[in-house]
Amino acid sequence: MRNVLLILAAVIMMAASLYWLASGGHRGWSQTRVPVKTVDEVTGLEGITYDERFVPGLDFLGASALAAGVLALASRFLKPQSTPTRHPTLL
């Protein structure tokens, strides 16, 4: 069980890091709306509209590191599984 928790902690941290990097590696807070500059077709004026999408930030990375750390710490409090002893059979 200890190894399962340690492997799960490593998988969570690697998956969160890869997702953070794949979505742009934003080094600020997570965003749910992203500003996009648009140009009005008729007047030619620039404006800002907001695109509804999730961009994970460093807080997302920190929360996943905290979750992985809790799992790794929990694995330290579990007893290691003892291997069953084999007794020779009498013939």
Protein backbone atom coordinates (compact mmCIF):
# COMPACT_ATOMS: atom_id res chain seq x y z
CA MET A 1 0.00 0.00 0.00
CA ARG A 2 2.92 2.31 0.70
CA ASN A 3 4.27 1.94 -2.79
CA VAL A 4 0.84 2.48 -4.31
CA LEU A 5 0.49 5.82 -2.52
CA LEU A 6 3.99 6.91 -3.52
CA ILE A 7 3.38 5.98 -7.15
CA LEU A 8 0.01 7.76 -7.09
CA ALA A 9 1.67 10.88 -5.65
CA ALA A 10 4.30 10.84 -8.41
CA VAL A 11 1.66 10.33 -11.11
CA ILE A 12 -0.45 13.23 -9.79
CA MET A 13 2.55 15.56 -9.75
CA MET A 14 3.76 14.55 -13.21
CA ALA A 15 0.28 14.77 -14.75
CA ALA A 16 -0.36 18.19 -13.23
CA SER A 17 3.04 19.47 -14.37
CA LEU A 18 2.53 18.20 -17.91
CA TYR A 19 -0.98 19.70 -18.06
CA TRP A 20 0.35 23.03 -16.77
CA LEU A 21 3.14 23.06 -19.35
CA ALA A 22 0.88 21.91 -22.21
CA SER A 23 -1.63 24.66 -21.52
CA GLY A 24 0.95 27.41 -21.68
CA GLY A 25 2.79 27.35 -18.34
CA HIS A 26 1.05 30.49 -17.02
CA ARG A 27 3.17 31.90 -14.17
CA GLY A 28 0.35 33.80 -12.46
CA TRP A 29 -2.94 32.86 -10.87
CA SER A 30 -5.27 30.45 -12.66
CA GLN A 31 -7.69 32.12 -15.03
CA THR A 32 -11.16 31.10 -16.14
CA ARG A 33 -11.54 33.98 -18.61
CA VAL A 34 -8.76 35.07 -20.95
CA PRO A 35 -8.71 38.57 -22.51
CA VAL A 36 -8.54 38.61 -26.32
CA LYS A 37 -7.99 41.76 -28.40
CA THR A 38 -10.55 42.13 -31.18
CA VAL A 39 -10.89 44.70 -33.95
CA ASP A 40 -14.33 45.95 -34.93
CA GLU A 41 -14.89 45.24 -38.64
CA VAL A 42 -16.84 48.42 -39.32
CA THR A 43 -15.07 51.10 -37.27
CA GLY A 44 -11.62 49.52 -36.96
CA LEU A 45 -11.54 50.17 -33.19
CA GLU A 46 -9.76 47.73 -30.93
CA GLY A 47 -11.59 46.22 -28.01
CA ILE A 48 -11.12 43.46 -25.49
CA THR A 49 -13.44 40.48 -25.30
CA TYR A 50 -13.09 37.58 -22.92
CA ASP A 51 -12.75 33.97 -23.98
CA GLU A 52 -14.20 31.44 -21.50
CA ARG A 53 -11.46 28.84 -20.92
CA PHE A 54 -9.35 27.55 -18.06
CA VAL A 55 -5.66 28.42 -17.92
CA PRO A 56 -3.93 26.78 -14.93
CA GLY A 57 -1.50 28.95 -13.02
CA LEU A 58 1.05 28.41 -10.29
CA ASP A 59 -1.72 27.96 -7.72
CA PHE A 60 -2.92 24.90 -9.68
CA LEU A 61 0.63 23.54 -9.65
CA GLY A 62 0.97 24.26 -5.93
CA ALA A 63 -2.33 22.56 -5.08
CA SER A 64 -1.32 19.44 -6.99
CA ALA A 65 2.08 19.45 -5.26
CA LEU A 66 0.29 19.71 -1.91
CA ALA A 67 -1.98 16.78 -2.79
CA ALA A 68 1.01 14.69 -3.89
CA GLY A 69 2.85 15.63 -0.69
CA VAL A 70 -0.09 14.58 1.48
CA LEU A 71 -0.21 11.19 -0.26
CA ALA A 72 3.54 10.74 0.11
CA LEU A 73 3.38 11.71 3.78
CA ALA A 74 0.45 9.35 4.36
CA SER A 75 2.49 6.51 2.90
CA ARG A 76 5.15 7.06 5.57
CA PHE A 77 2.64 6.32 8.35
CA LEU A 78 1.56 2.96 6.94
CA LYS A 79 3.28 -0.19 8.13
CA PRO A 80 5.30 -2.04 5.52
CA GLN A 81 3.68 -5.29 4.50
CA SER A 82 5.45 -8.27 5.96
CA THR A 83 6.26 -11.13 3.66
CA PRO A 84 4.73 -14.44 4.71
CA THR A 85 7.27 -16.87 6.10
CA ARG A 86 7.45 -20.26 4.45
CA HIS A 87 7.79 -23.22 6.72
CA PRO A 88 9.32 -26.33 5.28
CA THR A 89 6.86 -29.18 5.03
CA LEU A 90 7.57 -32.37 6.83
CA LEU A 91 7.64 -35.52 4.72
